[in-house]
């Protein structure tokens, strides 16, 4: 999205995250839609789920390439900041 492009243009994303990263809620909110399934291979930047917070829909994306091990929440679930949403594993 536009924010990601600005960050990249200014060189603020100069580091590369390695290994599969579990996906946690960046803020409290309500899970509106889950866009992946258990066992699905995902790429860095791929949308994983939509989290509604303060009447705004936030697309939560994968930080790295990996495989969805387990989805810890369901559509309509209220989540807290830092709560595990999706457990990821590295690709084989």
Protein backbone atom coordinates (compact mmCIF):
# COMPACT_ATOMS: atom_id res chain seq x y z
CA UNK A 1 0.00 0.00 0.00
CA UNK A 2 0.99 3.67 -0.10
CA UNK A 3 2.46 3.67 3.43
CA UNK A 4 4.69 0.69 2.63
CA UNK A 5 5.93 2.46 -0.50
CA UNK A 6 6.81 5.63 1.44
CA UNK A 7 8.72 3.64 4.07
CA UNK A 8 10.64 1.81 1.36
CA UNK A 9 11.38 5.01 -0.58
CA UNK A 10 12.97 6.60 2.49
CA UNK A 11 15.03 3.49 3.18
CA UNK A 12 13.42 2.84 6.53
CA UNK A 13 12.91 -0.84 5.75
CA UNK A 14 16.63 -1.53 5.43
CA UNK A 15 16.50 -4.80 7.36
CA UNK A 16 15.18 -8.15 6.18
CA UNK A 17 13.15 -10.32 8.55
CA UNK A 18 14.25 -13.93 8.32
CA UNK A 19 12.35 -17.06 9.27
CA UNK A 20 8.64 -17.48 9.69
CA UNK A 21 7.11 -14.91 12.02
CA UNK A 22 3.96 -15.61 14.03
CA UNK A 23 1.31 -12.98 13.41
CA UNK A 24 0.07 -11.08 16.46
CA UNK A 25 -2.56 -8.39 16.80
CA UNK A 26 -0.95 -4.94 16.55
CA UNK A 27 -3.94 -3.43 18.37
CA UNK A 28 -7.17 -4.54 20.04
CA UNK A 29 -9.95 -5.15 17.57
CA UNK A 30 -12.42 -7.49 15.94
CA UNK A 31 -11.45 -10.12 13.35
CA UNK A 32 -13.63 -9.47 10.30
CA UNK A 33 -12.25 -11.88 7.73
CA UNK A 34 -9.57 -14.57 7.58
CA UNK A 35 -7.99 -14.81 4.13
CA UNK A 36 -5.81 -17.94 4.54
CA UNK A 37 -6.24 -21.59 5.52
CA UNK A 38 -4.21 -23.98 7.66
CA UNK A 39 -1.32 -25.43 5.65
CA UNK A 40 -1.39 -22.64 3.05
CA UNK A 41 1.94 -21.27 1.83
CA UNK A 42 2.08 -17.47 2.02
CA UNK A 43 4.51 -14.84 0.77
CA UNK A 44 5.83 -11.78 2.60
CA UNK A 45 3.28 -8.98 2.27
CA UNK A 46 0.37 -11.30 1.53
CA UNK A 47 -2.87 -10.32 3.30
CA UNK A 48 -3.66 -12.75 6.14
CA UNK A 49 -6.73 -11.25 7.80
CA UNK A 50 -8.74 -8.07 8.28
CA UNK A 51 -8.87 -6.59 11.78
CA UNK A 52 -11.36 -3.85 12.58
CA UNK A 53 -10.13 -1.32 15.12
CA UNK A 54 -11.63 2.11 15.88
CA UNK A 55 -14.10 1.68 12.97
CA UNK A 56 -11.25 1.17 10.49
CA UNK A 57 -10.43 -2.02 8.62
CA UNK A 58 -6.74 -2.95 8.91
CA UNK A 59 -5.24 -5.56 6.59
CA UNK A 60 -2.77 -7.69 8.55
CA UNK A 61 -0.05 -9.05 6.25
CA UNK A 62 2.58 -11.77 6.51
CA UNK A 63 6.00 -10.39 7.50
CA UNK A 64 7.88 -13.23 5.82
CA UNK A 65 7.37 -16.19 3.52
CA UNK A 66 6.09 -19.24 5.38
CA UNK A 67 3.33 -21.77 5.93
CA UNK A 68 0.21 -21.20 8.04
CA UNK A 69 0.52 -23.77 10.86
CA UNK A 70 -2.63 -22.84 12.81
CA UNK A 71 -5.16 -20.05 12.81
CA UNK A 72 -5.75 -19.15 16.45
CA UNK A 73 -8.83 -16.92 15.96
CA UNK A 74 -12.08 -16.99 14.05
CA UNK A 75 -14.18 -14.44 12.22
CA UNK A 76 -16.02 -12.23 14.71
CA UNK A 77 -13.53 -12.83 17.54
CA UNK A 78 -12.48 -9.86 19.66
CA UNK A 79 -8.70 -9.80 20.17
CA UNK A 80 -6.30 -7.93 22.43
CA UNK A 81 -3.08 -6.19 21.44
CA UNK A 82 -0.27 -8.75 21.15
CA UNK A 83 -2.63 -11.75 20.98
CA UNK A 84 -1.46 -14.56 18.69
CA UNK A 85 -3.60 -14.61 15.54
CA UNK A 86 -1.78 -17.01 13.22
CA UNK A 87 1.07 -19.40 14.00
CA UNK A 88 3.53 -19.67 11.12
CA UNK A 89 6.28 -22.17 10.23
CA UNK A 90 9.11 -21.97 7.72
CA UNK A 91 8.71 -23.52 4.30
CA UNK A 92 10.23 -26.97 3.92
